[in-house]
Amino acid sequence: MFYIVGLGNPGAKYQYTRHNIGWLVCDVLLTAFDMPEAMPSKKYLGRISDGMIGDSAITVLYPETFMNKSGDAVKKLVKKGEHNQLIVIYDDVDLPAGDFRISFGNGAGGHNGVTSIIDTLGTKDFVRVRVGVAKKGSETGQAIRPTSEELAQYVLGKISLEENEIYTALYPVVVEAIVSLVTEGKDRAMNKYN
């Protein structure tokens, strides 16, 4: 069993914000694998959908605890000792829009949702799929990270039409990478997509 968790915030006002990119990727994943609509679950503090990728069963979770309490929902979902089967998808302000990275066992990088998961599970040993949301420098192509004063407003800002075009092209590639994580393992997936 693989646990795929997209991080985001509940409520219409957050639906198409940069901070909800994890949920948006999960929407594409559900469609790609003809999975049922994610249904509310009091037990798991969010919405869940079950399906298959290849021969592997997956459960997709959209925590509805708000970002800073994501770990509360993840802890209810992931069975003890199975944290290495967890894949968490979330926004990363250190990567430009259009880029993503797969990592394993790193710190939270200042992301409150990931901090909550690490603190609640008591381990860093799970896979992250970090989707870039930063502006891209026109000369360097590198991420332009918002200042600490701008950060909350930026990640909670709505995705622009220009960004939406970038993400629409990126989502299928991120889904391919998730498929690779499930079917081939994290090392091969990181070699292919990083």
N, C-alpha and C. Protein backbone atom coordinates (compact mmCIF):
# COMPACT_ATOMS: atom_id res chain seq x y z
N MET A 1 0.84 -1.19 0.00
CA MET A 1 0.00 0.00 0.00
C MET A 1 0.88 1.25 0.00
N PHE A 2 0.57 2.17 -0.91
CA PHE A 2 1.23 3.47 -0.93
C PHE A 2 0.23 4.53 -0.49
N TYR A 3 0.72 5.48 0.27
CA TYR A 3 -0.10 6.59 0.75
C TYR A 3 0.36 7.85 0.03
N ILE A 4 -0.51 8.43 -0.76
CA ILE A 4 -0.17 9.64 -1.52
C ILE A 4 -0.97 10.79 -0.93
N VAL A 5 -0.26 11.78 -0.40
CA VAL A 5 -0.90 12.88 0.31
C VAL A 5 -0.56 14.19 -0.40
N GLY A 6 -1.59 14.90 -0.83
CA GLY A 6 -1.41 16.24 -1.39
C GLY A 6 -1.70 17.26 -0.32
N LEU A 7 -0.80 18.20 -0.11
CA LEU A 7 -1.01 19.20 0.93
C LEU A 7 -1.76 20.40 0.38
N GLY A 8 -2.65 20.93 1.22
CA GLY A 8 -3.44 22.09 0.83
C GLY A 8 -4.29 22.55 2.00
N ASN A 9 -5.10 23.56 1.74
CA ASN A 9 -6.02 24.09 2.74
C ASN A 9 -7.44 23.93 2.24
N PRO A 10 -8.38 23.57 3.14
CA PRO A 10 -9.78 23.44 2.72
C PRO A 10 -10.45 24.80 2.51
N GLY A 11 -11.51 24.79 1.73
CA GLY A 11 -12.30 26.01 1.52
C GLY A 11 -12.08 26.60 0.14
N ALA A 12 -13.15 27.17 -0.40
CA ALA A 12 -13.14 27.70 -1.77
C ALA A 12 -12.09 28.79 -1.97
N LYS A 13 -11.84 29.58 -0.93
CA LYS A 13 -10.90 30.71 -1.13
C LYS A 13 -9.46 30.24 -1.32
N TYR A 14 -9.15 29.00 -0.92
CA TYR A 14 -7.79 28.47 -1.09
C TYR A 14 -7.66 27.55 -2.31
N GLN A 15 -8.77 27.27 -2.98
CA GLN A 15 -8.80 26.18 -3.96
C GLN A 15 -7.71 26.29 -5.03
N TYR A 16 -7.55 27.46 -5.63
CA TYR A 16 -6.57 27.61 -6.72
C TYR A 16 -5.40 28.50 -6.31
N THR A 17 -4.92 28.28 -5.08
CA THR A 17 -3.75 29.02 -4.62
C THR A 17 -2.50 28.16 -4.77
N ARG A 18 -1.35 28.82 -4.74
CA ARG A 18 -0.08 28.09 -4.89
C ARG A 18 0.11 27.07 -3.77
N HIS A 19 -0.40 27.38 -2.58
CA HIS A 19 -0.22 26.49 -1.43
C HIS A 19 -1.02 25.19 -1.59
N ASN A 20 -1.97 25.18 -2.52
CA ASN A 20 -2.81 23.99 -2.74
C ASN A 20 -2.36 23.17 -3.94
N ILE A 21 -1.14 23.37 -4.38
CA ILE A 21 -0.64 22.65 -5.57
C ILE A 21 -0.66 21.14 -5.35
N GLY A 22 -0.45 20.69 -4.12
CA GLY A 22 -0.51 19.25 -3.83
C GLY A 22 -1.88 18.68 -4.13
N TRP A 23 -2.93 19.41 -3.78
CA TRP A 23 -4.29 18.96 -4.07
C TRP A 23 -4.52 18.93 -5.58
N LEU A 24 -4.03 19.94 -6.27
CA LEU A 24 -4.25 20.02 -7.72
C LEU A 24 -3.56 18.87 -8.44
N VAL A 25 -2.37 18.48 -8.00
CA VAL A 25 -1.69 17.31 -8.57
C VAL A 25 -2.52 16.04 -8.31
N CYS A 26 -3.05 15.91 -7.10
CA CYS A 26 -3.86 14.73 -6.77
C CYS A 26 -5.12 14.67 -7.63
N ASP A 27 -5.71 15.82 -7.95
CA ASP A 27 -6.87 15.84 -8.85
C ASP A 27 -6.52 15.20 -10.19
N VAL A 28 -5.36 15.56 -10.73
CA VAL A 28 -4.91 15.02 -12.02
C VAL A 28 -4.62 13.53 -11.89
N LEU A 29 -4.02 13.12 -10.78
CA LEU A 29 -3.72 11.71 -10.54
C LEU A 29 -5.01 10.87 -10.52
N LEU A 30 -6.03 11.34 -9.81
CA LEU A 30 -7.30 10.62 -9.74
C LEU A 30 -7.91 10.45 -11.13
N THR A 31 -7.87 11.51 -11.92
CA THR A 31 -8.41 11.44 -13.28
C THR A 31 -7.61 10.47 -14.14
N ALA A 32 -6.28 10.55 -14.04
CA ALA A 32 -5.40 9.71 -14.87
C ALA A 32 -5.63 8.23 -14.62
N PHE A 33 -5.97 7.86 -13.38
CA PHE A 33 -6.14 6.45 -13.04
C PHE A 33 -7.61 6.09 -12.81
N ASP A 34 -8.50 6.97 -13.29
CA ASP A 34 -9.94 6.70 -13.23
C ASP A 34 -10.37 6.29 -11.82
N MET A 35 -9.82 7.01 -10.84
CA MET A 35 -10.15 6.73 -9.45
C MET A 35 -11.42 7.48 -9.06
N PRO A 36 -12.13 6.97 -8.06
CA PRO A 36 -13.36 7.67 -7.63
C PRO A 36 -13.04 9.03 -7.02
N GLU A 37 -14.03 9.90 -7.04
CA GLU A 37 -13.90 11.21 -6.41
C GLU A 37 -13.53 11.01 -4.94
N ALA A 38 -12.64 11.86 -4.45
CA ALA A 38 -12.23 11.77 -3.04
C ALA A 38 -13.42 12.16 -2.15
N MET A 39 -13.73 11.27 -1.20
CA MET A 39 -14.90 11.47 -0.34
C MET A 39 -14.46 11.84 1.08
N PRO A 40 -15.27 12.67 1.75
CA PRO A 40 -14.92 13.07 3.12
C PRO A 40 -14.83 11.86 4.05
N SER A 41 -13.83 11.88 4.93
CA SER A 41 -13.64 10.82 5.92
C SER A 41 -13.31 11.46 7.26
N LYS A 42 -14.21 11.31 8.22
CA LYS A 42 -13.93 11.83 9.57
C LYS A 42 -12.75 11.08 10.18
N LYS A 43 -12.66 9.78 9.88
CA LYS A 43 -11.58 8.95 10.44
C LYS A 43 -10.21 9.50 10.05
N TYR A 44 -10.07 9.93 8.76
CA TYR A 44 -8.77 10.38 8.26
C TYR A 44 -8.62 11.90 8.19
N LEU A 45 -9.60 12.62 8.72
CA LEU A 45 -9.52 14.09 8.79
C LEU A 45 -9.30 14.73 7.42
N GLY A 46 -9.93 14.18 6.41
CA GLY A 46 -9.78 14.73 5.06
C GLY A 46 -10.65 13.98 4.08
N ARG A 47 -10.31 14.13 2.80
CA ARG A 47 -11.00 13.40 1.74
C ARG A 47 -10.06 12.32 1.21
N ILE A 48 -10.60 11.13 0.96
CA ILE A 48 -9.76 10.04 0.47
C ILE A 48 -10.36 9.36 -0.75
N SER A 49 -9.47 8.76 -1.54
CA SER A 49 -9.85 7.95 -2.69
C SER A 49 -8.87 6.79 -2.76
N ASP A 50 -9.38 5.61 -3.09
CA ASP A 50 -8.54 4.42 -3.21
C ASP A 50 -8.49 3.96 -4.65
N GLY A 51 -7.34 3.42 -5.05
CA GLY A 51 -7.20 2.91 -6.40
C GLY A 51 -5.95 2.07 -6.54
N MET A 52 -5.55 1.88 -7.78
CA MET A 52 -4.37 1.06 -8.08
C MET A 52 -3.47 1.81 -9.05
N ILE A 53 -2.16 1.66 -8.86
CA ILE A 53 -1.16 2.03 -9.87
C ILE A 53 -0.39 0.76 -10.14
N GLY A 54 -0.53 0.21 -11.33
CA GLY A 54 0.06 -1.08 -11.63
C GLY A 54 -0.53 -2.12 -10.70
N ASP A 55 0.34 -2.85 -10.00
CA ASP A 55 -0.10 -3.89 -9.06
C ASP A 55 -0.20 -3.37 -7.63
N SER A 56 0.04 -2.08 -7.43
CA SER A 56 0.09 -1.53 -6.07
C SER A 56 -1.18 -0.76 -5.72
N ALA A 57 -1.73 -1.08 -4.55
CA ALA A 57 -2.86 -0.33 -4.02
C ALA A 57 -2.37 1.03 -3.53
N ILE A 58 -3.16 2.07 -3.79
CA ILE A 58 -2.83 3.41 -3.29
C ILE A 58 -4.05 4.02 -2.62
N THR A 59 -3.78 4.82 -1.61
CA THR A 59 -4.80 5.67 -1.02
C THR A 59 -4.32 7.10 -1.16
N VAL A 60 -5.18 7.94 -1.74
CA VAL A 60 -4.86 9.36 -1.91
C VAL A 60 -5.64 10.13 -0.85
N LEU A 61 -4.92 10.98 -0.12
CA LEU A 61 -5.51 11.78 0.96
C LEU A 61 -5.33 13.26 0.70
N TYR A 62 -6.43 14.00 0.84
CA TYR A 62 -6.41 15.46 0.86
C TYR A 62 -6.70 15.86 2.31
N PRO A 63 -5.69 16.14 3.13
CA PRO A 63 -5.97 16.52 4.53
C PRO A 63 -6.81 17.81 4.57
N GLU A 64 -7.81 17.84 5.45
CA GLU A 64 -8.63 19.04 5.58
C GLU A 64 -8.47 19.65 6.97
N THR A 65 -7.26 19.53 7.48
CA THR A 65 -6.92 20.01 8.82
C THR A 65 -6.33 21.42 8.79
N PHE A 66 -6.19 22.01 7.63
CA PHE A 66 -5.37 23.18 7.37
C PHE A 66 -3.90 22.77 7.43
N MET A 67 -3.11 23.49 6.66
CA MET A 67 -1.73 23.11 6.38
C MET A 67 -0.92 22.80 7.64
N ASN A 68 -1.01 23.66 8.64
CA ASN A 68 -0.14 23.54 9.82
C ASN A 68 -0.43 22.30 10.66
N LYS A 69 -1.56 21.62 10.38
CA LYS A 69 -1.94 20.43 11.15
C LYS A 69 -1.99 19.20 10.23
N SER A 70 -1.34 19.25 9.09
CA SER A 70 -1.38 18.14 8.13
C SER A 70 -0.97 16.82 8.75
N GLY A 71 -0.02 16.86 9.67
CA GLY A 71 0.46 15.64 10.31
C GLY A 71 -0.61 14.87 11.05
N ASP A 72 -1.63 15.59 11.57
CA ASP A 72 -2.71 14.91 12.30
C ASP A 72 -3.45 13.94 11.39
N ALA A 73 -3.71 14.37 10.14
CA ALA A 73 -4.41 13.51 9.18
C ALA A 73 -3.50 12.39 8.69
N VAL A 74 -2.24 12.73 8.40
CA VAL A 74 -1.29 11.74 7.87
C VAL A 74 -1.06 10.62 8.88
N LYS A 75 -0.97 10.98 10.16
CA LYS A 75 -0.73 9.96 11.19
C LYS A 75 -1.88 8.96 11.27
N LYS A 76 -3.11 9.42 11.02
CA LYS A 76 -4.26 8.52 11.05
C LYS A 76 -4.26 7.58 9.84
N LEU A 77 -3.67 8.03 8.74
CA LEU A 77 -3.68 7.24 7.50
C LEU A 77 -2.56 6.21 7.44
N VAL A 78 -1.34 6.64 7.75
CA VAL A 78 -0.16 5.80 7.54
C VAL A 78 0.01 4.83 8.70
N LYS A 79 0.01 3.55 8.38
CA LYS A 79 0.17 2.53 9.42
C LYS A 79 1.58 2.60 10.01
N LYS A 80 1.70 2.23 11.27
CA LYS A 80 2.99 2.27 11.96
C LYS A 80 4.03 1.46 11.19
N GLY A 81 5.20 2.06 10.98
CA GLY A 81 6.28 1.38 10.28
C GLY A 81 6.19 1.44 8.76
N GLU A 82 5.15 2.12 8.22
CA GLU A 82 4.99 2.19 6.76
C GLU A 82 5.25 3.59 6.21
N HIS A 83 5.95 4.42 6.99
CA HIS A 83 6.20 5.80 6.55
C HIS A 83 7.03 5.86 5.28
N ASN A 84 7.81 4.80 5.00
CA ASN A 84 8.60 4.81 3.75
C ASN A 84 7.72 4.55 2.53
N GLN A 85 6.42 4.26 2.73
CA GLN A 85 5.45 4.10 1.63
C GLN A 85 4.66 5.39 1.42
N LEU A 86 5.04 6.45 2.15
CA LEU A 86 4.33 7.73 2.09
C LEU A 86 4.97 8.65 1.05
N ILE A 87 4.13 9.24 0.20
CA ILE A 87 4.56 10.22 -0.80
C ILE A 87 3.76 11.50 -0.55
N VAL A 88 4.46 12.58 -0.21
CA VAL A 88 3.80 13.85 0.10
C VAL A 88 4.10 14.85 -1.03
N ILE A 89 3.05 15.45 -1.57
CA ILE A 89 3.17 16.39 -2.69
C ILE A 89 2.83 17.79 -2.16
N TYR A 90 3.71 18.75 -2.43
CA TYR A 90 3.46 20.10 -1.89
C TYR A 90 4.23 21.16 -2.68
N ASP A 91 3.87 22.42 -2.40
CA ASP A 91 4.47 23.59 -3.05
C ASP A 91 5.83 23.89 -2.45
N ASP A 92 6.75 24.36 -3.29
CA ASP A 92 8.10 24.70 -2.83
C ASP A 92 8.51 26.05 -3.41
N VAL A 93 8.74 27.02 -2.52
CA VAL A 93 9.12 28.37 -2.97
C VAL A 93 10.60 28.47 -3.33
N ASP A 94 11.35 27.38 -3.16
CA ASP A 94 12.75 27.39 -3.56
C ASP A 94 12.95 26.83 -4.96
N LEU A 95 11.87 26.44 -5.62
CA LEU A 95 11.91 25.96 -7.00
C LEU A 95 11.02 26.85 -7.85
N PRO A 96 11.44 27.17 -9.08
CA PRO A 96 10.58 27.99 -9.93
C PRO A 96 9.39 27.20 -10.46
N ALA A 97 8.31 27.90 -10.75
CA ALA A 97 7.14 27.28 -11.36
C ALA A 97 7.57 26.56 -12.63
N GLY A 98 7.12 25.33 -12.79
CA GLY A 98 7.51 24.52 -13.94
C GLY A 98 8.53 23.46 -13.60
N ASP A 99 9.17 23.57 -12.42
CA ASP A 99 10.14 22.58 -11.97
C ASP A 99 9.55 21.77 -10.81
N PHE A 100 10.05 20.55 -10.64
CA PHE A 100 9.72 19.78 -9.45
C PHE A 100 10.89 18.88 -9.12
N ARG A 101 10.94 18.43 -7.88
CA ARG A 101 12.00 17.54 -7.42
C ARG A 101 11.42 16.47 -6.52
N ILE A 102 12.04 15.30 -6.58
CA ILE A 102 11.70 14.22 -5.66
C ILE A 102 12.83 14.13 -4.65
N SER A 103 12.49 14.02 -3.38
CA SER A 103 13.52 13.86 -2.35
C SER A 103 13.01 12.90 -1.29
N PHE A 104 13.93 12.46 -0.45
CA PHE A 104 13.59 11.51 0.61
C PHE A 104 14.42 11.82 1.84
N GLY A 105 13.74 11.89 2.98
CA GLY A 105 14.45 11.99 4.25
C GLY A 105 15.04 13.34 4.58
N ASN A 106 14.71 14.37 3.83
CA ASN A 106 15.25 15.70 4.12
C ASN A 106 14.43 16.39 5.20
N GLY A 107 14.84 17.61 5.54
CA GLY A 107 14.07 18.42 6.48
C GLY A 107 12.84 19.00 5.80
N ALA A 108 12.19 19.93 6.49
CA ALA A 108 10.94 20.50 6.00
C ALA A 108 11.16 21.68 5.06
N GLY A 109 12.36 22.26 5.05
CA GLY A 109 12.63 23.40 4.17
C GLY A 109 11.75 24.60 4.47
N GLY A 110 11.29 24.71 5.72
CA GLY A 110 10.46 25.85 6.09
C GLY A 110 8.98 25.67 5.76
N HIS A 111 8.59 24.51 5.24
CA HIS A 111 7.18 24.27 4.87
C HIS A 111 6.43 23.75 6.10
N ASN A 112 5.42 24.50 6.54
CA ASN A 112 4.73 24.16 7.78
C ASN A 112 3.98 22.83 7.71
N GLY A 113 3.45 22.49 6.55
CA GLY A 113 2.76 21.21 6.40
C GLY A 113 3.71 20.04 6.58
N VAL A 114 4.89 20.15 5.99
CA VAL A 114 5.89 19.08 6.10
C VAL A 114 6.44 19.02 7.53
N THR A 115 6.65 20.17 8.15
CA THR A 115 7.08 20.21 9.55
C THR A 115 6.08 19.45 10.43
N SER A 116 4.79 19.68 10.20
CA SER A 116 3.75 19.01 10.97
C SER A 116 3.82 17.50 10.78
N ILE A 117 4.04 17.05 9.55
CA ILE A 117 4.12 15.60 9.28
C ILE A 117 5.34 14.99 9.97
N ILE A 118 6.49 15.65 9.85
CA ILE A 118 7.71 15.14 10.50
C ILE A 118 7.50 15.06 12.01
N ASP A 119 6.96 16.12 12.59
CA ASP A 119 6.76 16.15 14.04
C ASP A 119 5.77 15.08 14.50
N THR A 120 4.71 14.88 13.74
CA THR A 120 3.66 13.95 14.15
C THR A 120 4.08 12.50 13.93
N LEU A 121 4.74 12.21 12.80
CA LEU A 121 5.19 10.85 12.55
C LEU A 121 6.46 10.50 13.32
N GLY A 122 7.21 11.54 13.68
CA GLY A 122 8.47 11.30 14.40
C GLY A 122 9.59 10.81 13.49
N THR A 123 9.48 11.08 12.20
CA THR A 123 10.52 10.67 11.25
C THR A 123 10.51 11.60 10.03
N LYS A 124 11.68 11.71 9.39
CA LYS A 124 11.81 12.44 8.12
C LYS A 124 11.79 11.48 6.94
N ASP A 125 11.73 10.17 7.23
CA ASP A 125 11.93 9.16 6.19
C ASP A 125 10.66 8.87 5.39
N PHE A 126 10.32 9.83 4.53
CA PHE A 126 9.24 9.63 3.57
C PHE A 126 9.59 10.42 2.32
N VAL A 127 8.93 10.09 1.23
CA VAL A 127 9.21 10.73 -0.07
C VAL A 127 8.46 12.06 -0.16
N ARG A 128 9.15 13.05 -0.69
CA ARG A 128 8.52 14.33 -1.00
C ARG A 128 8.56 14.56 -2.50
N VAL A 129 7.45 15.07 -3.04
CA VAL A 129 7.42 15.57 -4.41
C VAL A 129 7.17 17.06 -4.28
N ARG A 130 8.22 17.84 -4.50
CA ARG A 130 8.19 19.28 -4.29
C ARG A 130 7.95 19.98 -5.63
N VAL A 131 6.83 20.68 -5.71
CA VAL A 131 6.44 21.35 -6.96
C VAL A 131 6.74 22.84 -6.82
N GLY A 132 7.56 23.36 -7.72
CA GLY A 132 7.98 24.75 -7.65
C GLY A 132 6.85 25.73 -7.88
N VAL A 133 6.82 26.78 -7.06
CA VAL A 133 5.80 27.83 -7.22
C VAL A 133 6.41 29.22 -7.28
N ALA A 134 7.75 29.32 -7.20
CA ALA A 134 8.40 30.64 -7.19
C ALA A 134 8.42 31.23 -8.60
N LYS A 135 8.55 32.54 -8.64
CA LYS A 135 8.78 33.21 -9.93
C LYS A 135 10.16 32.82 -10.42
N LYS A 136 10.30 32.79 -11.75
CA LYS A 136 11.58 32.41 -12.35
C LYS A 136 12.30 33.67 -12.81
N GLY A 137 13.56 33.80 -12.41
CA GLY A 137 14.35 34.94 -12.85
C GLY A 137 14.53 34.93 -14.36
N SER A 138 14.29 36.06 -15.01
CA SER A 138 14.33 36.10 -16.49
C SER A 138 15.73 35.85 -17.02
N GLU A 139 16.76 36.24 -16.29
CA GLU A 139 18.13 36.04 -16.76
C GLU A 139 18.72 34.72 -16.29
N THR A 140 18.48 34.39 -15.01
CA THR A 140 19.12 33.20 -14.44
C THR A 140 18.29 31.94 -14.60
N GLY A 141 16.96 32.10 -14.70
CA GLY A 141 16.09 30.93 -14.72
C GLY A 141 15.93 30.31 -13.34
N GLN A 142 16.56 30.92 -12.33
CA GLN A 142 16.49 30.41 -10.96
C GLN A 142 15.24 30.95 -10.26
N ALA A 143 14.87 30.27 -9.19
CA ALA A 143 13.71 30.70 -8.39
C ALA A 143 14.00 32.02 -7.70
N ILE A 144 13.02 32.91 -7.71
CA ILE A 144 13.08 34.14 -6.94
C ILE A 144 12.19 33.91 -5.71
N ARG A 145 12.83 33.60 -4.60
CA ARG A 145 12.08 33.25 -3.38
C ARG A 145 11.47 34.50 -2.78
N PRO A 146 10.18 34.44 -2.41
CA PRO A 146 9.59 35.60 -1.72
C PRO A 146 10.31 35.87 -0.40
N THR A 147 10.35 37.13 0.01
CA THR A 147 10.93 37.45 1.32
C THR A 147 10.04 36.86 2.41
N SER A 148 10.57 36.76 3.61
CA SER A 148 9.77 36.18 4.71
C SER A 148 8.51 37.00 4.95
N GLU A 149 8.58 38.32 4.70
CA GLU A 149 7.39 39.18 4.87
C GLU A 149 6.34 38.89 3.80
N GLU A 150 6.78 38.53 2.61
CA GLU A 150 5.85 38.30 1.48
C GLU A 150 5.36 36.85 1.40
N LEU A 151 6.02 35.94 2.11
CA LEU A 151 5.83 34.51 1.89
C LEU A 151 4.39 34.04 2.03
N ALA A 152 3.75 34.34 3.15
CA ALA A 152 2.38 33.85 3.38
C ALA A 152 1.43 34.38 2.31
N GLN A 153 1.55 35.68 2.01
CA GLN A 153 0.66 36.28 1.01
C GLN A 153 0.92 35.64 -0.36
N TYR A 154 2.17 35.34 -0.66
CA TYR A 154 2.51 34.77 -1.97
C TYR A 154 1.95 33.35 -2.12
N VAL A 155 2.21 32.48 -1.15
CA VAL A 155 1.76 31.09 -1.30
C VAL A 155 0.24 30.98 -1.23
N LEU A 156 -0.40 31.90 -0.52
CA LEU A 156 -1.87 31.89 -0.45
C LEU A 156 -2.51 32.69 -1.58
N GLY A 157 -1.67 33.21 -2.49
CA GLY A 157 -2.18 33.95 -3.64
C GLY A 157 -2.69 33.01 -4.72
N LYS A 158 -3.64 33.51 -5.49
CA LYS A 158 -4.23 32.71 -6.56
C LYS A 158 -3.20 32.47 -7.68
N ILE A 159 -3.27 31.29 -8.28
CA ILE A 159 -2.43 30.94 -9.43
C ILE A 159 -2.89 31.79 -10.61
N SER A 160 -1.94 32.48 -11.25
CA SER A 160 -2.26 33.35 -12.39
C SER A 160 -2.54 32.50 -13.64
N LEU A 161 -3.10 33.13 -14.66
CA LEU A 161 -3.37 32.42 -15.92
C LEU A 161 -2.08 31.91 -16.53
N GLU A 162 -1.02 32.72 -16.46
CA GLU A 162 0.28 32.31 -17.01
C GLU A 162 0.83 31.10 -16.24
N GLU A 163 0.75 31.16 -14.92
CA GLU A 163 1.20 30.04 -14.10
C GLU A 163 0.36 28.79 -14.39
N ASN A 164 -0.94 28.98 -14.54
CA ASN A 164 -1.83 27.85 -14.79
C ASN A 164 -1.42 27.08 -16.05
N GLU A 165 -1.00 27.81 -17.08
CA GLU A 165 -0.51 27.16 -18.31
C GLU A 165 0.73 26.32 -18.01
N ILE A 166 1.62 26.86 -17.20
CA ILE A 166 2.85 26.14 -16.82
C ILE A 166 2.49 24.86 -16.05
N TYR A 167 1.59 25.00 -15.08
CA TYR A 167 1.22 23.84 -14.25
C TYR A 167 0.44 22.80 -15.05
N THR A 168 -0.42 23.26 -15.94
CA THR A 168 -1.20 22.31 -16.75
C THR A 168 -0.27 21.41 -17.55
N ALA A 169 0.84 21.96 -18.03
CA ALA A 169 1.84 21.16 -18.75
C ALA A 169 2.66 20.28 -17.79
N LEU A 170 2.85 20.76 -16.57
CA LEU A 170 3.69 20.05 -15.60
C LEU A 170 2.98 18.88 -14.92
N TYR A 171 1.70 19.03 -14.60
CA TYR A 171 0.99 18.01 -13.82
C TYR A 171 1.14 16.60 -14.38
N PRO A 172 0.98 16.37 -15.69
CA PRO A 172 1.13 14.99 -16.18
C PRO A 172 2.53 14.42 -15.94
N VAL A 173 3.55 15.26 -15.97
CA VAL A 173 4.92 14.79 -15.73
C VAL A 173 5.08 14.43 -14.26
N VAL A 174 4.50 15.22 -13.38
CA VAL A 174 4.55 14.92 -11.94
C VAL A 174 3.83 13.60 -11.68
N VAL A 175 2.69 13.40 -12.34
CA VAL A 175 1.96 12.13 -12.18
C VAL A 175 2.81 10.96 -12.68
N GLU A 176 3.51 11.14 -13.80
CA GLU A 176 4.43 10.09 -14.29
C GLU A 176 5.48 9.75 -13.23
N ALA A 177 5.99 10.79 -12.57
CA ALA A 177 7.01 10.59 -11.54
C ALA A 177 6.43 9.82 -10.35
N ILE A 178 5.18 10.12 -9.99
CA ILE A 178 4.52 9.39 -8.90
C ILE A 178 4.35 7.92 -9.28
N VAL A 179 3.97 7.68 -10.54
CA VAL A 179 3.84 6.30 -11.02
C VAL A 179 5.19 5.59 -10.92
N SER A 180 6.26 6.28 -11.29
CA SER A 180 7.60 5.71 -11.20
C SER A 180 7.97 5.41 -9.75
N LEU A 181 7.62 6.31 -8.83
CA LEU A 181 7.89 6.07 -7.41
C LEU A 181 7.21 4.79 -6.93
N VAL A 182 5.97 4.60 -7.35
CA VAL A 182 5.20 3.44 -6.89
C VAL A 182 5.68 2.16 -7.56
N THR A 183 5.96 2.21 -8.87
CA THR A 183 6.25 0.98 -9.62
C THR A 183 7.73 0.63 -9.67
N GLU A 184 8.63 1.65 -9.57
CA GLU A 184 10.06 1.40 -9.73
C GLU A 184 10.88 1.70 -8.48
N GLY A 185 10.29 2.43 -7.54
CA GLY A 185 11.01 2.79 -6.32
C GLY A 185 11.62 4.18 -6.39
N LYS A 186 11.94 4.71 -5.21
CA LYS A 186 12.37 6.10 -5.12
C LYS A 186 13.70 6.37 -5.80
N ASP A 187 14.65 5.44 -5.73
CA ASP A 187 15.97 5.69 -6.31
C ASP A 187 15.89 5.85 -7.83
N ARG A 188 15.17 4.94 -8.48
CA ARG A 188 15.03 5.04 -9.93
C ARG A 188 14.23 6.27 -10.34
N ALA A 189 13.19 6.57 -9.56
CA ALA A 189 12.38 7.75 -9.87
C ALA A 189 13.21 9.03 -9.73
N MET A 190 14.03 9.12 -8.69
CA MET A 190 14.87 10.30 -8.51
C MET A 190 15.88 10.42 -9.64
N ASN A 191 16.45 9.31 -10.07
CA ASN A 191 17.41 9.33 -11.19
C ASN A 191 16.74 9.80 -12.48
N LYS A 192 15.51 9.40 -12.68
CA LYS A 192 14.80 9.76 -13.92
C LYS A 192 14.33 11.20 -13.95
N TYR A 193 13.86 11.70 -12.80
CA TYR A 193 13.14 12.97 -12.82
C TYR A 193 13.85 14.14 -12.16
N ASN A 194 14.92 13.90 -11.41
CA ASN A 194 15.62 15.02 -10.77
C ASN A 194 16.71 15.58 -11.68
